[in-house]
Amino acid sequence: MDTAPRRRHWFPRAVAVVGGVSFLASGLWAMAGPESFFETVATFEPYNQHFIQDVGAFQIGLGAVLLLAAMWTRADAVAVGLVGVGIGSTAHTISHVIGRDLGGRPELDIPLTALMSVLLLAGGLWRRRQ
């Protein structure tokens, strides 16, 4: 059995896993502890909880895309992209739920971000099953 293709693909997959875990960890940190994340990493004044949590949500999405690409070796880019972005969009919806008293239009923002999350995840999982 020829192991050359397997050897050629280990490096990009390893980079995707390391990058995915890194983005996911920092995103979860920003979502769960926005003040700590701000004081340690994102020391750009002024502090804005909602903005830090949104940054965390998008980092979660980036990490999800990389990890899915590394794990779903037989999936196409559309499925990986839709599900990964859907995970990030779900985290973004959670950010809006957590920060609903911080401004914006929660009565509109939350349902719209939730709907986008459902559509992205449904489209990606549908594509994955094909």
C-alpha atoms as a PDB file:
ATOM      1  CA  MET A   1       0.000   0.000   0.000  1.00  0.00           C
ATOM      2  CA  ASP A   2       1.346   3.422  -0.972  1.00  0.00           C
ATOM      3  CA  THR A   3       1.674   5.672   2.089  1.00  0.00           C
ATOM      4  CA  ALA A   4       2.989   8.685   0.134  1.00  0.00           C
ATOM      5  CA  PRO A   5      -0.441  10.385  -0.134  1.00  0.00           C
ATOM      6  CA  ARG A   6      -0.972   9.944   3.589  1.00  0.00           C
ATOM      7  CA  ARG A   7       2.454  11.434   4.344  1.00  0.00           C
ATOM      8  CA  ARG A   8       1.775  14.408   2.090  1.00  0.00           C
ATOM      9  CA  HIS A   9      -1.463  15.263   3.875  1.00  0.00           C
ATOM     10  CA  TRP A  10      -0.361  15.089   7.509  1.00  0.00           C
ATOM     11  CA  PHE A  11       1.146  18.592   7.668  1.00  0.00           C
ATOM     12  CA  PRO A  12      -1.848  20.620   6.444  1.00  0.00           C
ATOM     13  CA  ARG A  13      -4.172  18.547   8.620  1.00  0.00           C
ATOM     14  CA  ALA A  14      -1.931  19.092  11.666  1.00  0.00           C
ATOM     15  CA  VAL A  15      -1.866  22.849  10.997  1.00  0.00           C
ATOM     16  CA  ALA A  16      -5.668  22.851  10.665  1.00  0.00           C
ATOM     17  CA  VAL A  17      -6.051  21.044  14.008  1.00  0.00           C
ATOM     18  CA  VAL A  18      -3.590  23.291  15.855  1.00  0.00           C
ATOM     19  CA  GLY A  19      -5.101  26.428  14.320  1.00  0.00           C
ATOM     20  CA  GLY A  20      -8.638  25.198  14.940  1.00  0.00           C
ATOM     21  CA  VAL A  21      -7.988  24.413  18.599  1.00  0.00           C
ATOM     22  CA  SER A  22      -6.241  27.770  19.051  1.00  0.00           C
ATOM     23  CA  PHE A  23      -9.084  29.774  17.479  1.00  0.00           C
ATOM     24  CA  LEU A  24     -11.696  27.740  19.342  1.00  0.00           C
ATOM     25  CA  ALA A  25      -9.965  28.191  22.711  1.00  0.00           C
ATOM     26  CA  SER A  26      -9.497  31.933  22.335  1.00  0.00           C
ATOM     27  CA  GLY A  27     -13.065  32.290  21.067  1.00  0.00           C
ATOM     28  CA  LEU A  28     -14.481  30.401  24.019  1.00  0.00           C
ATOM     29  CA  TRP A  29     -12.347  32.523  26.362  1.00  0.00           C
ATOM     30  CA  ALA A  30     -13.647  35.754  24.794  1.00  0.00           C
ATOM     31  CA  MET A  31     -17.240  34.509  25.026  1.00  0.00           C
ATOM     32  CA  ALA A  32     -17.031  33.183  28.598  1.00  0.00           C
ATOM     33  CA  GLY A  33     -14.701  35.793  30.114  1.00  0.00           C
ATOM     34  CA  PRO A  34     -14.810  38.946  28.013  1.00  0.00           C
ATOM     35  CA  GLU A  35     -13.239  41.127  30.722  1.00  0.00           C
ATOM     36  CA  SER A  36     -10.351  38.698  31.230  1.00  0.00           C
ATOM     37  CA  PHE A  37      -9.856  38.397  27.472  1.00  0.00           C
ATOM     38  CA  PHE A  38      -9.840  42.185  27.131  1.00  0.00           C
ATOM     39  CA  GLU A  39      -7.364  42.706  29.985  1.00  0.00           C
ATOM     40  CA  THR A  40      -5.020  39.972  28.751  1.00  0.00           C
ATOM     41  CA  VAL A  41      -5.267  39.931  24.957  1.00  0.00           C
ATOM     42  CA  ALA A  42      -7.412  42.676  23.465  1.00  0.00           C
ATOM     43  CA  THR A  43      -6.279  45.728  25.421  1.00  0.00           C
ATOM     44  CA  PHE A  44      -7.788  48.195  22.963  1.00  0.00           C
ATOM     45  CA  GLU A  45      -9.799  50.840  24.790  1.00  0.00           C
ATOM     46  CA  PRO A  46     -12.633  51.234  25.346  1.00  0.00           C
ATOM     47  CA  TYR A  47     -13.822  47.913  26.737  1.00  0.00           C
ATOM     48  CA  ASN A  48     -16.988  46.700  25.027  1.00  0.00           C
ATOM     49  CA  GLN A  49     -18.387  43.393  26.262  1.00  0.00           C
ATOM     50  CA  HIS A  50     -20.598  42.830  23.243  1.00  0.00           C
ATOM     51  CA  PHE A  51     -17.783  43.478  20.784  1.00  0.00           C
ATOM     52  CA  ILE A  52     -15.387  41.127  22.630  1.00  0.00           C
ATOM     53  CA  GLN A  53     -18.019  38.382  22.705  1.00  0.00           C
ATOM     54  CA  ASP A  54     -18.763  38.871  18.998  1.00  0.00           C
ATOM     55  CA  VAL A  55     -15.025  38.561  18.285  1.00  0.00           C
ATOM     56  CA  GLY A  56     -15.086  35.336  20.300  1.00  0.00           C
ATOM     57  CA  ALA A  57     -18.051  34.049  18.317  1.00  0.00           C
ATOM     58  CA  PHE A  58     -16.265  34.592  15.027  1.00  0.00           C
ATOM     59  CA  GLN A  59     -13.096  32.960  16.349  1.00  0.00           C
ATOM     60  CA  ILE A  60     -15.197  29.947  17.307  1.00  0.00           C
ATOM     61  CA  GLY A  61     -16.473  29.839  13.717  1.00  0.00           C
ATOM     62  CA  LEU A  62     -12.934  29.986  12.305  1.00  0.00           C
ATOM     63  CA  GLY A  63     -11.830  27.204  14.642  1.00  0.00           C
ATOM     64  CA  ALA A  64     -14.852  25.113  13.715  1.00  0.00           C
ATOM     65  CA  VAL A  65     -14.142  25.433   9.989  1.00  0.00           C
ATOM     66  CA  LEU A  66     -10.522  24.342  10.450  1.00  0.00           C
ATOM     67  CA  LEU A  67     -11.403  21.419  12.720  1.00  0.00           C
ATOM     68  CA  LEU A  68     -14.204  20.226  10.446  1.00  0.00           C
ATOM     69  CA  ALA A  69     -11.897  20.429   7.425  1.00  0.00           C
ATOM     70  CA  ALA A  70      -9.338  18.321   9.282  1.00  0.00           C
ATOM     71  CA  MET A  71     -11.898  15.756  10.488  1.00  0.00           C
ATOM     72  CA  TRP A  72     -14.287  15.511   7.527  1.00  0.00           C
ATOM     73  CA  THR A  73     -11.696  14.366   5.043  1.00  0.00           C
ATOM     74  CA  ARG A  74     -14.289  13.242   2.500  1.00  0.00           C
ATOM     75  CA  ALA A  75     -16.605  16.261   2.829  1.00  0.00           C
ATOM     76  CA  ASP A  76     -16.607  19.023   0.285  1.00  0.00           C
ATOM     77  CA  ALA A  77     -15.771  22.644   0.988  1.00  0.00           C
ATOM     78  CA  VAL A  78     -19.405  23.776   0.889  1.00  0.00           C
ATOM     79  CA  ALA A  79     -20.450  21.381   3.675  1.00  0.00           C
ATOM     80  CA  VAL A  80     -17.433  22.283   5.816  1.00  0.00           C
ATOM     81  CA  GLY A  81     -17.956  25.999   5.233  1.00  0.00           C
ATOM     82  CA  LEU A  82     -21.678  25.978   5.951  1.00  0.00           C
ATOM     83  CA  VAL A  83     -21.430  23.930   9.150  1.00  0.00           C
ATOM     84  CA  GLY A  84     -18.356  25.790  10.426  1.00  0.00           C
ATOM     85  CA  VAL A  85     -19.877  29.201   9.761  1.00  0.00           C
ATOM     86  CA  GLY A  86     -23.152  27.920  11.221  1.00  0.00           C
ATOM     87  CA  ILE A  87     -21.332  27.089  14.453  1.00  0.00           C
ATOM     88  CA  GLY A  88     -19.832  30.585  14.494  1.00  0.00           C
ATOM     89  CA  SER A  89     -23.227  32.087  13.751  1.00  0.00           C
ATOM     90  CA  THR A  90     -24.745  30.112  16.624  1.00  0.00           C
ATOM     91  CA  ALA A  91     -22.058  31.504  18.944  1.00  0.00           C
ATOM     92  CA  HIS A  92     -22.891  34.973  17.585  1.00  0.00           C
ATOM     93  CA  THR A  93     -26.561  34.396  18.445  1.00  0.00           C
ATOM     94  CA  ILE A  94     -25.508  33.381  21.965  1.00  0.00           C
ATOM     95  CA  SER A  95     -23.459  36.593  22.191  1.00  0.00           C
ATOM     96  CA  HIS A  96     -26.591  38.589  21.356  1.00  0.00           C
ATOM     97  CA  VAL A  97     -28.650  36.679  23.931  1.00  0.00           C
ATOM     98  CA  ILE A  98     -26.007  37.276  26.633  1.00  0.00           C
ATOM     99  CA  GLY A  99     -25.738  40.957  25.705  1.00  0.00           C
ATOM    100  CA  ARG A 100     -29.401  41.650  25.047  1.00  0.00           C
ATOM    101  CA  ASP A 101     -29.356  44.408  27.701  1.00  0.00           C
ATOM    102  CA  LEU A 102     -26.247  46.088  26.223  1.00  0.00           C
ATOM    103  CA  GLY A 103     -27.959  47.799  23.292  1.00  0.00           C
ATOM    104  CA  GLY A 104     -28.860  46.973  19.749  1.00  0.00           C
ATOM    105  CA  ARG A 105     -32.263  45.617  18.827  1.00  0.00           C
ATOM    106  CA  PRO A 106     -32.492  42.248  20.588  1.00  0.00           C
ATOM    107  CA  GLU A 107     -36.097  41.689  19.470  1.00  0.00           C
ATOM    108  CA  LEU A 108     -34.841  41.723  15.872  1.00  0.00           C
ATOM    109  CA  ASP A 109     -31.148  40.773  16.176  1.00  0.00           C
ATOM    110  CA  ILE A 110     -31.636  37.529  18.085  1.00  0.00           C
ATOM    111  CA  PRO A 111     -34.278  35.971  15.805  1.00  0.00           C
ATOM    112  CA  LEU A 112     -32.374  36.982  12.661  1.00  0.00           C
ATOM    113  CA  THR A 113     -29.023  35.622  13.836  1.00  0.00           C
ATOM    114  CA  ALA A 114     -30.748  32.463  15.083  1.00  0.00           C
ATOM    115  CA  LEU A 115     -32.494  31.981  11.723  1.00  0.00           C
ATOM    116  CA  MET A 116     -29.192  32.424   9.876  1.00  0.00           C
ATOM    117  CA  SER A 117     -27.580  29.852  12.177  1.00  0.00           C
ATOM    118  CA  VAL A 118     -30.311  27.297  11.529  1.00  0.00           C
ATOM    119  CA  LEU A 119     -30.140  27.835   7.768  1.00  0.00           C
ATOM    120  CA  LEU A 120     -26.348  27.536   7.660  1.00  0.00           C
ATOM    121  CA  LEU A 121     -26.287  24.382   9.795  1.00  0.00           C
ATOM    122  CA  ALA A 122     -29.204  22.783   7.937  1.00  0.00           C
ATOM    123  CA  GLY A 123     -27.658  23.548   4.558  1.00  0.00           C
ATOM    124  CA  GLY A 124     -24.283  22.209   5.615  1.00  0.00           C
ATOM    125  CA  LEU A 125     -25.629  19.029   7.168  1.00  0.00           C
ATOM    126  CA  TRP A 126     -27.864  18.441   4.155  1.00  0.00           C
ATOM    127  CA  ARG A 127     -24.868  18.835   1.854  1.00  0.00           C
ATOM    128  CA  ARG A 128     -22.782  16.538   4.080  1.00  0.00           C
ATOM    129  CA  ARG A 129     -25.376  13.771   3.821  1.00  0.00           C
ATOM    130  CA  GLN A 130     -25.425  13.911   0.002  1.00  0.00           C
END
